[in-house]
Amino acid sequence: MDFTPYRRSLIGFDHVFDMLENASTFHNDAYPPYDVEQEGEDTYRIRIALAGYTAADVDATTRENVLVVTGKNRDKSENRTFLHRGIATGPFELRFQLADHVEVTTANLANGVLDIELKREVPEAAKPRKIAIGEAQEPKRLTRAKTEAA
């Protein structure tokens, strides 16, 4: 999509248009399979099935609200003859668009499953705050006698 006409008239929305234009490049294939879970109001977990991968084979990075998980399994099958090969071991890249203020807290690979824990922590400056509204006092008016004496 071309957002050029909108960019001319909507000032300060560049990041929104960039995100919409980049959304077409986010295409998560079925490999490796993954789940996205919401554990609490502000906590999430991404679980990726990575049979045969080690922590050294997998990399996870965040940049500009995008979590990128890549893997490259070192092929250890040089001297092996497979009659059937059903466990995928090829390179992969998964991209996840993160909302503002969502941070990765931990990432652990155990038993062939990569668990990535995420938490949304909105800074105090970005949270809505209640503004106290007080009663305004009417200004004191000068009496007619005081104004005539002056």
C-alpha atoms as a PDB file:
ATOM      1  CA  MET A   1       0.000   0.000   0.000  1.00  0.00           C
ATOM      2  CA  ASP A   2       1.108   3.524  -0.696  1.00  0.00           C
ATOM      3  CA  PHE A   3       0.538   5.862   2.252  1.00  0.00           C
ATOM      4  CA  THR A   4       2.171   8.907   0.589  1.00  0.00           C
ATOM      5  CA  PRO A   5      -1.052  10.985   0.352  1.00  0.00           C
ATOM      6  CA  TYR A   6      -1.733  10.428   4.053  1.00  0.00           C
ATOM      7  CA  ARG A   7       1.848  11.200   5.085  1.00  0.00           C
ATOM      8  CA  ARG A   8       1.458  14.699   3.615  1.00  0.00           C
ATOM      9  CA  SER A   9      -1.536  15.618   5.750  1.00  0.00           C
ATOM     10  CA  LEU A  10      -1.000  13.651   8.985  1.00  0.00           C
ATOM     11  CA  ILE A  11       1.972  15.066  10.835  1.00  0.00           C
ATOM     12  CA  GLY A  12       3.794  12.961  13.424  1.00  0.00           C
ATOM     13  CA  PHE A  13       2.281   9.606  12.416  1.00  0.00           C
ATOM     14  CA  ASP A  14       5.363   8.346  10.559  1.00  0.00           C
ATOM     15  CA  HIS A  15       5.898   5.429  12.935  1.00  0.00           C
ATOM     16  CA  VAL A  16       2.323   4.218  12.347  1.00  0.00           C
ATOM     17  CA  PHE A  17       2.755   4.281   8.562  1.00  0.00           C
ATOM     18  CA  ASP A  18       6.140   2.560   8.849  1.00  0.00           C
ATOM     19  CA  MET A  19       4.561  -0.182  10.961  1.00  0.00           C
ATOM     20  CA  LEU A  20       1.726  -0.658   8.442  1.00  0.00           C
ATOM     21  CA  GLU A  21       4.150  -0.828   5.524  1.00  0.00           C
ATOM     22  CA  ASN A  22       6.374  -3.315   7.353  1.00  0.00           C
ATOM     23  CA  ALA A  23       3.416  -5.481   8.358  1.00  0.00           C
ATOM     24  CA  SER A  24       3.366  -7.009   4.900  1.00  0.00           C
ATOM     25  CA  THR A  25       6.925  -8.295   5.437  1.00  0.00           C
ATOM     26  CA  PHE A  26       5.949 -10.182   8.602  1.00  0.00           C
ATOM     27  CA  HIS A  27       5.015 -13.634   7.486  1.00  0.00           C
ATOM     28  CA  ASN A  28       5.491 -16.362  10.014  1.00  0.00           C
ATOM     29  CA  ASP A  29       5.589 -19.738   8.340  1.00  0.00           C
ATOM     30  CA  ALA A  30       4.532 -22.929  10.049  1.00  0.00           C
ATOM     31  CA  TYR A  31       8.171 -23.818  10.799  1.00  0.00           C
ATOM     32  CA  PRO A  32       9.020 -24.046  13.548  1.00  0.00           C
ATOM     33  CA  PRO A  33       5.621 -24.380  15.226  1.00  0.00           C
ATOM     34  CA  TYR A  34       4.952 -21.953  18.060  1.00  0.00           C
ATOM     35  CA  ASP A  35       2.310 -20.871  20.549  1.00  0.00           C
ATOM     36  CA  VAL A  36       1.626 -17.401  21.927  1.00  0.00           C
ATOM     37  CA  GLU A  37       0.014 -17.441  25.380  1.00  0.00           C
ATOM     38  CA  GLN A  38      -1.297 -14.689  27.609  1.00  0.00           C
ATOM     39  CA  GLU A  39      -0.545 -15.642  31.186  1.00  0.00           C
ATOM     40  CA  GLY A  40      -1.756 -12.542  32.981  1.00  0.00           C
ATOM     41  CA  GLU A  41      -3.005  -9.078  32.241  1.00  0.00           C
ATOM     42  CA  ASP A  42       0.490  -7.874  31.301  1.00  0.00           C
ATOM     43  CA  THR A  43       2.483 -11.110  30.881  1.00  0.00           C
ATOM     44  CA  TYR A  44       2.890 -13.264  27.799  1.00  0.00           C
ATOM     45  CA  ARG A  45       4.830 -16.325  26.677  1.00  0.00           C
ATOM     46  CA  ILE A  46       5.981 -17.464  23.258  1.00  0.00           C
ATOM     47  CA  ARG A  47       6.746 -21.201  23.084  1.00  0.00           C
ATOM     48  CA  ILE A  48       8.650 -22.440  20.042  1.00  0.00           C
ATOM     49  CA  ALA A  49       9.189 -26.158  19.354  1.00  0.00           C
ATOM     50  CA  LEU A  50      12.871 -26.618  18.513  1.00  0.00           C
ATOM     51  CA  ALA A  51      13.642 -30.342  18.578  1.00  0.00           C
ATOM     52  CA  GLY A  52      17.334 -30.922  17.969  1.00  0.00           C
ATOM     53  CA  TYR A  53      18.426 -27.315  18.510  1.00  0.00           C
ATOM     54  CA  THR A  54      20.715 -26.163  21.307  1.00  0.00           C
ATOM     55  CA  ALA A  55      20.916 -22.718  22.905  1.00  0.00           C
ATOM     56  CA  ALA A  56      24.016 -22.048  20.791  1.00  0.00           C
ATOM     57  CA  ASP A  57      21.967 -22.674  17.608  1.00  0.00           C
ATOM     58  CA  VAL A  58      19.268 -20.095  18.435  1.00  0.00           C
ATOM     59  CA  ASP A  59      19.399 -16.303  18.633  1.00  0.00           C
ATOM     60  CA  ALA A  60      16.699 -13.891  19.848  1.00  0.00           C
ATOM     61  CA  THR A  61      16.941 -10.116  19.423  1.00  0.00           C
ATOM     62  CA  THR A  62      14.594  -7.168  19.798  1.00  0.00           C
ATOM     63  CA  ARG A  63      14.753  -3.963  17.830  1.00  0.00           C
ATOM     64  CA  GLU A  64      12.112  -1.296  17.280  1.00  0.00           C
ATOM     65  CA  ASN A  65       9.294  -3.356  18.835  1.00  0.00           C
ATOM     66  CA  VAL A  66      10.126  -6.453  16.787  1.00  0.00           C
ATOM     67  CA  LEU A  67      11.284  -9.727  18.339  1.00  0.00           C
ATOM     68  CA  VAL A  68      13.310 -11.792  15.864  1.00  0.00           C
ATOM     69  CA  VAL A  69      14.097 -15.423  16.667  1.00  0.00           C
ATOM     70  CA  THR A  70      16.537 -17.155  14.319  1.00  0.00           C
ATOM     71  CA  GLY A  71      18.045 -20.600  14.320  1.00  0.00           C
ATOM     72  CA  LYS A  72      20.659 -22.491  12.429  1.00  0.00           C
ATOM     73  CA  ASN A  73      21.043 -26.118  13.384  1.00  0.00           C
ATOM     74  CA  ARG A  74      24.459 -27.481  12.653  1.00  0.00           C
ATOM     75  CA  ASP A  75      23.843 -30.512  10.469  1.00  0.00           C
ATOM     76  CA  LYS A  76      25.227 -33.499  12.352  1.00  0.00           C
ATOM     77  CA  SER A  77      24.034 -36.062   9.807  1.00  0.00           C
ATOM     78  CA  GLU A  78      27.131 -36.264   7.606  1.00  0.00           C
ATOM     79  CA  ASN A  79      27.861 -39.910   8.399  1.00  0.00           C
ATOM     80  CA  ARG A  80      24.243 -40.994   8.864  1.00  0.00           C
ATOM     81  CA  THR A  81      21.797 -42.602   6.470  1.00  0.00           C
ATOM     82  CA  PHE A  82      18.160 -41.702   7.071  1.00  0.00           C
ATOM     83  CA  LEU A  83      15.384 -44.019   5.939  1.00  0.00           C
ATOM     84  CA  HIS A  84      12.909 -41.306   6.952  1.00  0.00           C
ATOM     85  CA  ARG A  85      13.716 -37.786   8.087  1.00  0.00           C
ATOM     86  CA  GLY A  86      10.744 -36.169   9.806  1.00  0.00           C
ATOM     87  CA  ILE A  87      12.443 -33.835  12.274  1.00  0.00           C
ATOM     88  CA  ALA A  88      13.097 -30.519  10.574  1.00  0.00           C
ATOM     89  CA  THR A  89      16.533 -29.078  11.246  1.00  0.00           C
ATOM     90  CA  GLY A  90      16.894 -26.257   8.742  1.00  0.00           C
ATOM     91  CA  PRO A  91      17.496 -22.585   9.408  1.00  0.00           C
ATOM     92  CA  PHE A  92      14.516 -20.455  10.388  1.00  0.00           C
ATOM     93  CA  GLU A  93      13.502 -16.909  11.246  1.00  0.00           C
ATOM     94  CA  LEU A  94      10.374 -15.904  13.158  1.00  0.00           C
ATOM     95  CA  ARG A  95       9.308 -12.276  13.666  1.00  0.00           C
ATOM     96  CA  PHE A  96       6.867 -11.034  16.267  1.00  0.00           C
ATOM     97  CA  GLN A  97       5.602  -7.448  16.377  1.00  0.00           C
ATOM     98  CA  LEU A  98       5.578  -6.272  19.991  1.00  0.00           C
ATOM     99  CA  ALA A  99       3.324  -3.565  21.374  1.00  0.00           C
ATOM    100  CA  ASP A 100       4.833  -0.485  22.991  1.00  0.00           C
ATOM    101  CA  HIS A 101       6.363  -1.124  26.416  1.00  0.00           C
ATOM    102  CA  VAL A 102       6.507  -4.933  25.950  1.00  0.00           C
ATOM    103  CA  GLU A 103       9.915  -6.276  26.935  1.00  0.00           C
ATOM    104  CA  VAL A 104      11.436  -9.747  26.860  1.00  0.00           C
ATOM    105  CA  THR A 105      12.172 -10.794  30.437  1.00  0.00           C
ATOM    106  CA  THR A 106      13.667 -14.286  29.931  1.00  0.00           C
ATOM    107  CA  ALA A 107      14.341 -16.852  27.222  1.00  0.00           C
ATOM    108  CA  ASN A 108      15.115 -20.489  28.062  1.00  0.00           C
ATOM    109  CA  LEU A 109      15.526 -23.585  25.899  1.00  0.00           C
ATOM    110  CA  ALA A 110      14.750 -26.873  27.622  1.00  0.00           C
ATOM    111  CA  ASN A 111      13.526 -30.233  26.334  1.00  0.00           C
ATOM    112  CA  GLY A 112      13.282 -28.949  22.770  1.00  0.00           C
ATOM    113  CA  VAL A 113      11.037 -25.974  23.637  1.00  0.00           C
ATOM    114  CA  LEU A 114      12.145 -22.346  23.671  1.00  0.00           C
ATOM    115  CA  ASP A 115      10.120 -20.316  26.187  1.00  0.00           C
ATOM    116  CA  ILE A 116      10.284 -16.542  25.778  1.00  0.00           C
ATOM    117  CA  GLU A 117       8.636 -14.600  28.608  1.00  0.00           C
ATOM    118  CA  LEU A 118       7.372 -11.093  27.877  1.00  0.00           C
ATOM    119  CA  LYS A 119       5.988  -8.404  30.139  1.00  0.00           C
ATOM    120  CA  ARG A 120       4.318  -5.085  29.435  1.00  0.00           C
ATOM    121  CA  GLU A 121       5.589  -2.421  31.787  1.00  0.00           C
ATOM    122  CA  VAL A 122       4.147   0.985  31.062  1.00  0.00           C
ATOM    123  CA  PRO A 123       6.361   3.738  32.530  1.00  0.00           C
ATOM    124  CA  GLU A 124       4.764   6.070  35.062  1.00  0.00           C
ATOM    125  CA  ALA A 125       5.061   9.008  32.648  1.00  0.00           C
ATOM    126  CA  ALA A 126       2.921   7.147  30.073  1.00  0.00           C
ATOM    127  CA  LYS A 127       0.234   5.966  32.485  1.00  0.00           C
ATOM    128  CA  PRO A 128      -2.968   7.972  32.775  1.00  0.00           C
ATOM    129  CA  ARG A 129      -2.997  10.125  35.865  1.00  0.00           C
ATOM    130  CA  LYS A 130      -5.849  11.697  37.764  1.00  0.00           C
ATOM    131  CA  ILE A 131      -5.786  15.458  37.950  1.00  0.00           C
ATOM    132  CA  ALA A 132      -7.251  16.933  41.105  1.00  0.00           C
ATOM    133  CA  ILE A 133      -9.787  19.644  40.447  1.00  0.00           C
ATOM    134  CA  GLY A 134     -10.200  22.102  43.274  1.00  0.00           C
ATOM    135  CA  GLU A 135     -12.803  24.738  44.036  1.00  0.00           C
ATOM    136  CA  ALA A 136     -11.760  28.151  42.778  1.00  0.00           C
ATOM    137  CA  GLN A 137     -12.364  31.018  45.164  1.00  0.00           C
ATOM    138  CA  GLU A 138     -14.000  34.114  43.797  1.00  0.00           C
ATOM    139  CA  PRO A 139     -11.707  37.116  43.866  1.00  0.00           C
ATOM    140  CA  LYS A 140     -12.469  39.606  46.590  1.00  0.00           C
ATOM    141  CA  ARG A 141     -14.238  42.655  45.267  1.00  0.00           C
ATOM    142  CA  LEU A 142     -13.430  46.081  46.474  1.00  0.00           C
ATOM    143  CA  THR A 143     -16.306  47.812  48.158  1.00  0.00           C
ATOM    144  CA  ARG A 144     -17.592  51.099  46.762  1.00  0.00           C
ATOM    145  CA  ALA A 145     -16.410  53.020  49.831  1.00  0.00           C
ATOM    146  CA  LYS A 146     -12.815  51.847  49.342  1.00  0.00           C
ATOM    147  CA  THR A 147     -12.814  52.693  45.662  1.00  0.00           C
ATOM    148  CA  GLU A 148     -14.177  56.214  46.294  1.00  0.00           C
ATOM    149  CA  ALA A 149     -11.531  56.894  48.961  1.00  0.00           C
ATOM    150  CA  ALA A 150      -8.814  55.968  46.571  1.00  0.00           C
END
